[in-house]
Amino acid sequence: MKLLILGGTSFLGRHIVSSALDRGHDVSLFNRNKTNPAIFYDIERLVGDRDGNLDALLGRTWDAVIDVNGYLPRLVRDSSMLLQENIGHYLYI
């Protein structure tokens, strides 16, 4: 399964990424590349910001998105609206 993890380098997100990789999923991370930038160095890293720079997500497709860092409702809305036509499922935690 092709997964996009929004966040994914700290707290719960890093455990979700590890679990997905252990199960053989193809994982991409989208974050600002500021927290634990060396973790998961061997998977696709899409650098951007939930608060106004989602360009790295444009035109891409994934089977599912796992959102572990939507701190404000508008950030979740913006990313889910942008991705809605290009994903199968959106899971917000």
PDB file of N, CA and C in Angstrom:
ATOM      1  N   MET A   1       0.849  -1.170   0.000  1.00  0.00           N
ATOM      2  CA  MET A   1       0.000   0.000   0.000  1.00  0.00           C
ATOM      3  C   MET A   1       0.897   1.235   0.000  1.00  0.00           C
ATOM      4  N   LYS A   2       0.489   2.203  -0.747  1.00  0.00           N
ATOM      5  CA  LYS A   2       1.224   3.457  -0.856  1.00  0.00           C
ATOM      6  C   LYS A   2       0.632   4.452   0.163  1.00  0.00           C
ATOM      7  N   LEU A   3       1.438   4.819   1.177  1.00  0.00           N
ATOM      8  CA  LEU A   3       0.963   5.660   2.269  1.00  0.00           C
ATOM      9  C   LEU A   3       1.668   7.009   2.305  1.00  0.00           C
ATOM     10  N   LEU A   4       0.912   8.029   2.653  1.00  0.00           N
ATOM     11  CA  LEU A   4       1.465   9.347   2.942  1.00  0.00           C
ATOM     12  C   LEU A   4       1.213   9.607   4.416  1.00  0.00           C
ATOM     13  N   ILE A   5       2.271   9.928   5.140  1.00  0.00           N
ATOM     14  CA  ILE A   5       2.152  10.284   6.548  1.00  0.00           C
ATOM     15  C   ILE A   5       2.440  11.772   6.661  1.00  0.00           C
ATOM     16  N   LEU A   6       1.468  12.511   7.189  1.00  0.00           N
ATOM     17  CA  LEU A   6       1.665  13.942   7.439  1.00  0.00           C
ATOM     18  C   LEU A   6       2.248  14.060   8.836  1.00  0.00           C
ATOM     19  N   GLY A   7       3.486  14.492   8.906  1.00  0.00           N
ATOM     20  CA  GLY A   7       4.253  14.452  10.153  1.00  0.00           C
ATOM     21  C   GLY A   7       5.145  13.228  10.071  1.00  0.00           C
ATOM     22  N   GLY A   8       5.091  12.397  11.089  1.00  0.00           N
ATOM     23  CA  GLY A   8       5.741  11.093  11.013  1.00  0.00           C
ATOM     24  C   GLY A   8       7.126  10.973  11.602  1.00  0.00           C
ATOM     25  N   THR A   9       7.657  12.017  12.224  1.00  0.00           N
ATOM     26  CA  THR A   9       9.018  11.914  12.756  1.00  0.00           C
ATOM     27  C   THR A   9       9.097  12.036  14.277  1.00  0.00           C
ATOM     28  N   SER A  10       7.982  12.179  14.937  1.00  0.00           N
ATOM     29  CA  SER A  10       8.005  12.223  16.404  1.00  0.00           C
ATOM     30  C   SER A  10       6.711  11.647  16.957  1.00  0.00           C
ATOM     31  N   PHE A  11       6.659  11.501  18.255  1.00  0.00           N
ATOM     32  CA  PHE A  11       5.491  11.009  18.969  1.00  0.00           C
ATOM     33  C   PHE A  11       4.908   9.766  18.284  1.00  0.00           C
ATOM     34  N   LEU A  12       3.626   9.739  18.121  1.00  0.00           N
ATOM     35  CA  LEU A  12       2.932   8.588  17.532  1.00  0.00           C
ATOM     36  C   LEU A  12       3.337   8.356  16.070  1.00  0.00           C
ATOM     37  N   GLY A  13       3.570   9.419  15.336  1.00  0.00           N
ATOM     38  CA  GLY A  13       3.863   9.308  13.912  1.00  0.00           C
ATOM     39  C   GLY A  13       5.034   8.414  13.589  1.00  0.00           C
ATOM     40  N   ARG A  14       6.108   8.510  14.350  1.00  0.00           N
ATOM     41  CA  ARG A  14       7.284   7.693  14.036  1.00  0.00           C
ATOM     42  C   ARG A  14       7.011   6.208  14.247  1.00  0.00           C
ATOM     43  N   HIS A  15       6.122   5.876  15.175  1.00  0.00           N
ATOM     44  CA  HIS A  15       5.763   4.474  15.395  1.00  0.00           C
ATOM     45  C   HIS A  15       4.862   3.955  14.277  1.00  0.00           C
ATOM     46  N   ILE A  16       4.003   4.817  13.773  1.00  0.00           N
ATOM     47  CA  ILE A  16       3.157   4.440  12.627  1.00  0.00           C
ATOM     48  C   ILE A  16       4.031   4.184  11.401  1.00  0.00           C
ATOM     49  N   VAL A  17       5.001   5.059  11.172  1.00  0.00           N
ATOM     50  CA  VAL A  17       5.908   4.887  10.035  1.00  0.00           C
ATOM     51  C   VAL A  17       6.684   3.581  10.176  1.00  0.00           C
ATOM     52  N   SER A  18       7.247   3.323  11.340  1.00  0.00           N
ATOM     53  CA  SER A  18       8.005   2.081  11.554  1.00  0.00           C
ATOM     54  C   SER A  18       7.143   0.848  11.307  1.00  0.00           C
ATOM     55  N   SER A  19       5.938   0.876  11.813  1.00  0.00           N
ATOM     56  CA  SER A  19       5.023  -0.248  11.631  1.00  0.00           C
ATOM     57  C   SER A  19       4.676  -0.455  10.158  1.00  0.00           C
ATOM     58  N   ALA A  20       4.413   0.634   9.455  1.00  0.00           N
ATOM     59  CA  ALA A  20       4.087   0.544   8.026  1.00  0.00           C
ATOM     60  C   ALA A  20       5.267  -0.018   7.232  1.00  0.00           C
ATOM     61  N   LEU A  21       6.466   0.449   7.541  1.00  0.00           N
ATOM     62  CA  LEU A  21       7.653  -0.050   6.846  1.00  0.00           C
ATOM     63  C   LEU A  21       7.890  -1.525   7.145  1.00  0.00           C
ATOM     64  N   ASP A  22       7.682  -1.929   8.404  1.00  0.00           N
ATOM     65  CA  ASP A  22       7.849  -3.341   8.774  1.00  0.00           C
ATOM     66  C   ASP A  22       6.889  -4.237   8.003  1.00  0.00           C
ATOM     67  N   ARG A  23       5.746  -3.702   7.617  1.00  0.00           N
ATOM     68  CA  ARG A  23       4.744  -4.468   6.877  1.00  0.00           C
ATOM     69  C   ARG A  23       4.923  -4.361   5.366  1.00  0.00           C
ATOM     70  N   GLY A  24       5.970  -3.655   4.930  1.00  0.00           N
ATOM     71  CA  GLY A  24       6.286  -3.587   3.512  1.00  0.00           C
ATOM     72  C   GLY A  24       5.578  -2.509   2.723  1.00  0.00           C
ATOM     73  N   HIS A  25       4.948  -1.563   3.416  1.00  0.00           N
ATOM     74  CA  HIS A  25       4.254  -0.484   2.711  1.00  0.00           C
ATOM     75  C   HIS A  25       5.249   0.525   2.146  1.00  0.00           C
ATOM     76  N   ASP A  26       4.852   1.181   1.089  1.00  0.00           N
ATOM     77  CA  ASP A  26       5.620   2.256   0.464  1.00  0.00           C
ATOM     78  C   ASP A  26       5.194   3.556   1.154  1.00  0.00           C
ATOM     79  N   VAL A  27       6.105   4.159   1.923  1.00  0.00           N
ATOM     80  CA  VAL A  27       5.758   5.298   2.773  1.00  0.00           C
ATOM     81  C   VAL A  27       6.449   6.564   2.294  1.00  0.00           C
ATOM     82  N   SER A  28       5.669   7.646   2.230  1.00  0.00           N
ATOM     83  CA  SER A  28       6.195   8.991   1.990  1.00  0.00           C
ATOM     84  C   SER A  28       5.861   9.834   3.212  1.00  0.00           C
ATOM     85  N   LEU A  29       6.781  10.714   3.589  1.00  0.00           N
ATOM     86  CA  LEU A  29       6.550  11.632   4.699  1.00  0.00           C
ATOM     87  C   LEU A  29       6.421  13.057   4.173  1.00  0.00           C
ATOM     88  N   PHE A  30       5.483  13.798   4.723  1.00  0.00           N
ATOM     89  CA  PHE A  30       5.371  15.223   4.437  1.00  0.00           C
ATOM     90  C   PHE A  30       5.489  15.957   5.761  1.00  0.00           C
ATOM     91  N   ASN A  31       6.519  16.797   5.857  1.00  0.00           N
ATOM     92  CA  ASN A  31       6.716  17.620   7.040  1.00  0.00           C
ATOM     93  C   ASN A  31       7.702  18.742   6.729  1.00  0.00           C
ATOM     94  N   ARG A  32       8.017  19.525   7.750  1.00  0.00           N
ATOM     95  CA  ARG A  32       8.926  20.667   7.565  1.00  0.00           C
ATOM     96  C   ARG A  32      10.391  20.258   7.604  1.00  0.00           C
ATOM     97  N   ASN A  33      10.665  19.002   7.902  1.00  0.00           N
ATOM     98  CA  ASN A  33      12.031  18.467   7.988  1.00  0.00           C
ATOM     99  C   ASN A  33      12.835  19.148   9.101  1.00  0.00           C
ATOM    100  N   LYS A  34      12.160  19.496  10.187  1.00  0.00           N
ATOM    101  CA  LYS A  34      12.828  20.142  11.318  1.00  0.00           C
ATOM    102  C   LYS A  34      12.972  19.209  12.519  1.00  0.00           C
ATOM    103  N   THR A  35      11.991  18.349  12.753  1.00  0.00           N
ATOM    104  CA  THR A  35      12.029  17.428  13.883  1.00  0.00           C
ATOM    105  C   THR A  35      12.608  16.098  13.431  1.00  0.00           C
ATOM    106  N   ASN A  36      13.676  15.675  14.071  1.00  0.00           N
ATOM    107  CA  ASN A  36      14.333  14.401  13.756  1.00  0.00           C
ATOM    108  C   ASN A  36      14.588  14.230  12.254  1.00  0.00           C
ATOM    109  N   PRO A  37      15.295  15.169  11.629  1.00  0.00           N
ATOM    110  CA  PRO A  37      15.483  15.089  10.167  1.00  0.00           C
ATOM    111  C   PRO A  37      16.258  13.862   9.696  1.00  0.00           C
ATOM    112  N   ALA A  38      17.006  13.202  10.579  1.00  0.00           N
ATOM    113  CA  ALA A  38      17.792  12.037  10.170  1.00  0.00           C
ATOM    114  C   ALA A  38      17.004  10.731  10.256  1.00  0.00           C
ATOM    115  N   ILE A  39      15.855  10.752  10.922  1.00  0.00           N
ATOM    116  CA  ILE A  39      15.061   9.537  11.063  1.00  0.00           C
ATOM    117  C   ILE A  39      14.407   9.179   9.721  1.00  0.00           C
ATOM    118  N   PHE A  40      14.347   7.922   9.413  1.00  0.00           N
ATOM    119  CA  PHE A  40      13.757   7.431   8.161  1.00  0.00           C
ATOM    120  C   PHE A  40      14.409   8.086   6.937  1.00  0.00           C
ATOM    121  N   TYR A  41      15.716   8.163   6.956  1.00  0.00           N
ATOM    122  CA  TYR A  41      16.462   8.818   5.885  1.00  0.00           C
ATOM    123  C   TYR A  41      16.309   8.129   4.538  1.00  0.00           C
ATOM    124  N   ASP A  42      15.878   6.871   4.546  1.00  0.00           N
ATOM    125  CA  ASP A  42      15.843   6.097   3.305  1.00  0.00           C
ATOM    126  C   ASP A  42      14.464   6.023   2.643  1.00  0.00           C
ATOM    127  N   ILE A  43      13.504   6.843   3.099  1.00  0.00           N
ATOM    128  CA  ILE A  43      12.196   6.883   2.439  1.00  0.00           C
ATOM    129  C   ILE A  43      11.961   8.281   1.881  1.00  0.00           C
ATOM    130  N   GLU A  44      10.958   8.396   1.036  1.00  0.00           N
ATOM    131  CA  GLU A  44      10.673   9.680   0.394  1.00  0.00           C
ATOM    132  C   GLU A  44      10.265  10.725   1.427  1.00  0.00           C
ATOM    133  N   ARG A  45      10.926  11.867   1.376  1.00  0.00           N
ATOM    134  CA  ARG A  45      10.623  12.990   2.265  1.00  0.00           C
ATOM    135  C   ARG A  45      10.138  14.150   1.412  1.00  0.00           C
ATOM    136  N   LEU A  46       8.917  14.579   1.646  1.00  0.00           N
ATOM    137  CA  LEU A  46       8.346  15.727   0.955  1.00  0.00           C
ATOM    138  C   LEU A  46       8.347  16.879   1.949  1.00  0.00           C
ATOM    139  N   VAL A  47       9.085  17.913   1.627  1.00  0.00           N
ATOM    140  CA  VAL A  47       9.246  19.030   2.564  1.00  0.00           C
ATOM    141  C   VAL A  47       8.271  20.138   2.217  1.00  0.00           C
ATOM    142  N   GLY A  48       7.562  20.580   3.238  1.00  0.00           N
ATOM    143  CA  GLY A  48       6.609  21.669   3.097  1.00  0.00           C
ATOM    144  C   GLY A  48       6.099  22.061   4.467  1.00  0.00           C
ATOM    145  N   ASP A  49       5.023  22.806   4.486  1.00  0.00           N
ATOM    146  CA  ASP A  49       4.466  23.285   5.741  1.00  0.00           C
ATOM    147  C   ASP A  49       2.946  23.212   5.658  1.00  0.00           C
ATOM    148  N   ARG A  50       2.333  22.625   6.653  1.00  0.00           N
ATOM    149  CA  ARG A  50       0.872  22.532   6.689  1.00  0.00           C
ATOM    150  C   ARG A  50       0.224  23.896   6.633  1.00  0.00           C
ATOM    151  N   ASP A  51       0.929  24.904   7.083  1.00  0.00           N
ATOM    152  CA  ASP A  51       0.368  26.249   7.173  1.00  0.00           C
ATOM    153  C   ASP A  51       0.797  27.097   5.979  1.00  0.00           C
ATOM    154  N   GLY A  52       0.433  26.646   4.782  1.00  0.00           N
ATOM    155  CA  GLY A  52       0.627  27.489   3.615  1.00  0.00           C
ATOM    156  C   GLY A  52       1.562  26.995   2.541  1.00  0.00           C
ATOM    157  N   ASN A  53       2.200  25.840   2.709  1.00  0.00           N
ATOM    158  CA  ASN A  53       3.081  25.351   1.651  1.00  0.00           C
ATOM    159  C   ASN A  53       2.868  23.853   1.456  1.00  0.00           C
ATOM    160  N   LEU A  54       1.780  23.505   0.793  1.00  0.00           N
ATOM    161  CA  LEU A  54       1.440  22.115   0.510  1.00  0.00           C
ATOM    162  C   LEU A  54       1.844  21.694  -0.900  1.00  0.00           C
ATOM    163  N   ASP A  55       2.629  22.523  -1.575  1.00  0.00           N
ATOM    164  CA  ASP A  55       2.957  22.297  -2.982  1.00  0.00           C
ATOM    165  C   ASP A  55       3.554  20.918  -3.269  1.00  0.00           C
ATOM    166  N   ALA A  56       4.320  20.368  -2.351  1.00  0.00           N
ATOM    167  CA  ALA A  56       4.958  19.062  -2.581  1.00  0.00           C
ATOM    168  C   ALA A  56       3.937  17.938  -2.727  1.00  0.00           C
ATOM    169  N   LEU A  57       2.687  18.192  -2.330  1.00  0.00           N
ATOM    170  CA  LEU A  57       1.638  17.173  -2.409  1.00  0.00           C
ATOM    171  C   LEU A  57       0.830  17.239  -3.705  1.00  0.00           C
ATOM    172  N   LEU A  58       0.998  18.298  -4.431  1.00  0.00           N
ATOM    173  CA  LEU A  58       0.207  18.507  -5.650  1.00  0.00           C
ATOM    174  C   LEU A  58       0.483  17.441  -6.700  1.00  0.00           C
ATOM    175  N   GLY A  59      -0.599  16.919  -7.274  1.00  0.00           N
ATOM    176  CA  GLY A  59      -0.488  15.979  -8.390  1.00  0.00           C
ATOM    177  C   GLY A  59       0.004  14.595  -8.017  1.00  0.00           C
ATOM    178  N   ARG A  60       0.095  14.286  -6.759  1.00  0.00           N
ATOM    179  CA  ARG A  60       0.576  12.982  -6.295  1.00  0.00           C
ATOM    180  C   ARG A  60      -0.610  12.132  -5.852  1.00  0.00           C
ATOM    181  N   THR A  61      -0.461  10.817  -5.879  1.00  0.00           N
ATOM    182  CA  THR A  61      -1.525   9.919  -5.431  1.00  0.00           C
ATOM    183  C   THR A  61      -0.986   8.941  -4.389  1.00  0.00           C
ATOM    184  N   TRP A  62      -1.861   8.602  -3.450  1.00  0.00           N
ATOM    185  CA  TRP A  62      -1.567   7.611  -2.418  1.00  0.00           C
ATOM    186  C   TRP A  62      -2.822   6.799  -2.161  1.00  0.00           C
ATOM    187  N   ASP A  63      -2.639   5.592  -1.665  1.00  0.00           N
ATOM    188  CA  ASP A  63      -3.785   4.771  -1.279  1.00  0.00           C
ATOM    189  C   ASP A  63      -4.434   5.319  -0.014  1.00  0.00           C
ATOM    190  N   ALA A  64      -3.605   5.827   0.884  1.00  0.00           N
ATOM    191  CA  ALA A  64      -4.132   6.347   2.148  1.00  0.00           C
ATOM    192  C   ALA A  64      -3.200   7.410   2.704  1.00  0.00           C
ATOM    193  N   VAL A  65      -3.791   8.314   3.462  1.00  0.00           N
ATOM    194  CA  VAL A  65      -3.060   9.356   4.183  1.00  0.00           C
ATOM    195  C   VAL A  65      -3.339   9.161   5.659  1.00  0.00           C
ATOM    196  N   ILE A  66      -2.278   9.243   6.453  1.00  0.00           N
ATOM    197  CA  ILE A  66      -2.431   9.230   7.907  1.00  0.00           C
ATOM    198  C   ILE A  66      -1.927  10.570   8.408  1.00  0.00           C
ATOM    199  N   ASP A  67      -2.824  11.320   9.007  1.00  0.00           N
ATOM    200  CA  ASP A  67      -2.552  12.686   9.460  1.00  0.00           C
ATOM    201  C   ASP A  67      -2.404  12.680  10.977  1.00  0.00           C
ATOM    202  N   VAL A  68      -1.177  12.870  11.440  1.00  0.00           N
ATOM    203  CA  VAL A  68      -0.922  12.844  12.881  1.00  0.00           C
ATOM    204  C   VAL A  68      -0.516  14.206  13.442  1.00  0.00           C
ATOM    205  N   ASN A  69      -0.590  15.249  12.625  1.00  0.00           N
ATOM    206  CA  ASN A  69      -0.152  16.544  13.157  1.00  0.00           C
ATOM    207  C   ASN A  69      -1.018  17.719  12.710  1.00  0.00           C
ATOM    208  N   GLY A  70      -2.304  17.506  12.580  1.00  0.00           N
ATOM    209  CA  GLY A  70      -3.205  18.602  12.212  1.00  0.00           C
ATOM    210  C   GLY A  70      -3.660  19.342  13.465  1.00  0.00           C
ATOM    211  N   TYR A  71      -2.873  20.284  13.908  1.00  0.00           N
ATOM    212  CA  TYR A  71      -3.139  20.952  15.177  1.00  0.00           C
ATOM    213  C   TYR A  71      -4.303  21.935  15.134  1.00  0.00           C
ATOM    214  N   LEU A  72      -4.619  22.426  13.971  1.00  0.00           N
ATOM    215  CA  LEU A  72      -5.726  23.376  13.821  1.00  0.00           C
ATOM    216  C   LEU A  72      -6.699  22.837  12.778  1.00  0.00           C
ATOM    217  N   PRO A  73      -8.006  23.011  12.983  1.00  0.00           N
ATOM    218  CA  PRO A  73      -8.979  22.498  12.017  1.00  0.00           C
ATOM    219  C   PRO A  73      -8.735  22.967  10.584  1.00  0.00           C
ATOM    220  N   ARG A  74      -8.320  24.202  10.394  1.00  0.00           N
ATOM    221  CA  ARG A  74      -8.104  24.705   9.035  1.00  0.00           C
ATOM    222  C   ARG A  74      -6.943  23.977   8.349  1.00  0.00           C
ATOM    223  N   LEU A  75      -5.951  23.522   9.108  1.00  0.00           N
ATOM    224  CA  LEU A  75      -4.840  22.785   8.512  1.00  0.00           C
ATOM    225  C   LEU A  75      -5.297  21.419   8.012  1.00  0.00           C
ATOM    226  N   VAL A  76      -6.144  20.765   8.774  1.00  0.00           N
ATOM    227  CA  VAL A  76      -6.696  19.468   8.361  1.00  0.00           C
ATOM    228  C   VAL A  76      -7.597  19.660   7.151  1.00  0.00           C
ATOM    229  N   ARG A  77      -8.429  20.686   7.194  1.00  0.00           N
ATOM    230  CA  ARG A  77      -9.317  20.979   6.061  1.00  0.00           C
ATOM    231  C   ARG A  77      -8.508  21.220   4.791  1.00  0.00           C
ATOM    232  N   ASP A  78      -7.484  22.060   4.877  1.00  0.00           N
ATOM    233  CA  ASP A  78      -6.701  22.410   3.692  1.00  0.00           C
ATOM    234  C   ASP A  78      -6.021  21.184   3.078  1.00  0.00           C
ATOM    235  N   SER A  79      -5.402  20.365   3.901  1.00  0.00           N
ATOM    236  CA  SER A  79      -4.714  19.194   3.346  1.00  0.00           C
ATOM    237  C   SER A  79      -5.712  18.158   2.832  1.00  0.00           C
ATOM    238  N   SER A  80      -6.802  17.945   3.541  1.00  0.00           N
ATOM    239  CA  SER A  80      -7.777  16.955   3.069  1.00  0.00           C
ATOM    240  C   SER A  80      -8.461  17.406   1.786  1.00  0.00           C
ATOM    241  N   MET A  81      -8.739  18.685   1.668  1.00  0.00           N
ATOM    242  CA  MET A  81      -9.351  19.207   0.429  1.00  0.00           C
ATOM    243  C   MET A  81      -8.378  19.076  -0.752  1.00  0.00           C
ATOM    244  N   LEU A  82      -7.128  19.392  -0.517  1.00  0.00           N
ATOM    245  CA  LEU A  82      -6.125  19.303  -1.577  1.00  0.00           C
ATOM    246  C   LEU A  82      -5.962  17.859  -2.058  1.00  0.00           C
ATOM    247  N   LEU A  83      -6.001  16.921  -1.133  1.00  0.00           N
ATOM    248  CA  LEU A  83      -5.714  15.524  -1.458  1.00  0.00           C
ATOM    249  C   LEU A  83      -6.935  14.682  -1.833  1.00  0.00           C
ATOM    250  N   GLN A  84      -8.127  15.186  -1.619  1.00  0.00           N
ATOM    251  CA  GLN A  84      -9.330  14.355  -1.719  1.00  0.00           C
ATOM    252  C   GLN A  84      -9.498  13.613  -3.041  1.00  0.00           C
ATOM    253  N   GLU A  85      -9.064  14.158  -4.134  1.00  0.00           N
ATOM    254  CA  GLU A  85      -9.219  13.492  -5.429  1.00  0.00           C
ATOM    255  C   GLU A  85      -8.098  12.494  -5.721  1.00  0.00           C
ATOM    256  N   ASN A  86      -7.036  12.503  -4.896  1.00  0.00           N
ATOM    257  CA  ASN A  86      -5.856  11.696  -5.200  1.00  0.00           C
ATOM    258  C   ASN A  86      -5.544  10.633  -4.157  1.00  0.00           C
ATOM    259  N   ILE A  87      -6.484  10.359  -3.262  1.00  0.00           N
ATOM    260  CA  ILE A  87      -6.234   9.364  -2.226  1.00  0.00           C
ATOM    261  C   ILE A  87      -7.454   8.459  -2.082  1.00  0.00           C
ATOM    262  N   GLY A  88      -7.225   7.301  -1.483  1.00  0.00           N
ATOM    263  CA  GLY A  88      -8.324   6.392  -1.218  1.00  0.00           C
ATOM    264  C   GLY A  88      -8.959   6.640   0.142  1.00  0.00           C
ATOM    265  N   HIS A  89      -8.142   6.895   1.142  1.00  0.00           N
ATOM    266  CA  HIS A  89      -8.618   7.096   2.507  1.00  0.00           C
ATOM    267  C   HIS A  89      -7.798   8.177   3.188  1.00  0.00           C
ATOM    268  N   TYR A  90      -8.441   8.910   4.092  1.00  0.00           N
ATOM    269  CA  TYR A  90      -7.764   9.933   4.896  1.00  0.00           C
ATOM    270  C   TYR A  90      -8.083   9.636   6.353  1.00  0.00           C
ATOM    271  N   LEU A  91      -7.053   9.312   7.120  1.00  0.00           N
ATOM    272  CA  LEU A  91      -7.222   9.007   8.530  1.00  0.00           C
ATOM    273  C   LEU A  91      -6.589  10.128   9.345  1.00  0.00           C
ATOM    274  N   TYR A  92      -7.405  10.783  10.141  1.00  0.00           N
ATOM    275  CA  TYR A  92      -6.916  11.839  11.031  1.00  0.00           C
ATOM    276  C   TYR A  92      -6.859  11.285  12.446  1.00  0.00           C
ATOM    277  N   ILE A  93      -5.690  11.405  13.046  1.00  0.00           N
ATOM    278  CA  ILE A  93      -5.520  10.954  14.430  1.00  0.00           C
ATOM    279  C   ILE A  93      -5.272  12.179  15.293  1.00  0.00           C
TER     280      ILE A  93
END
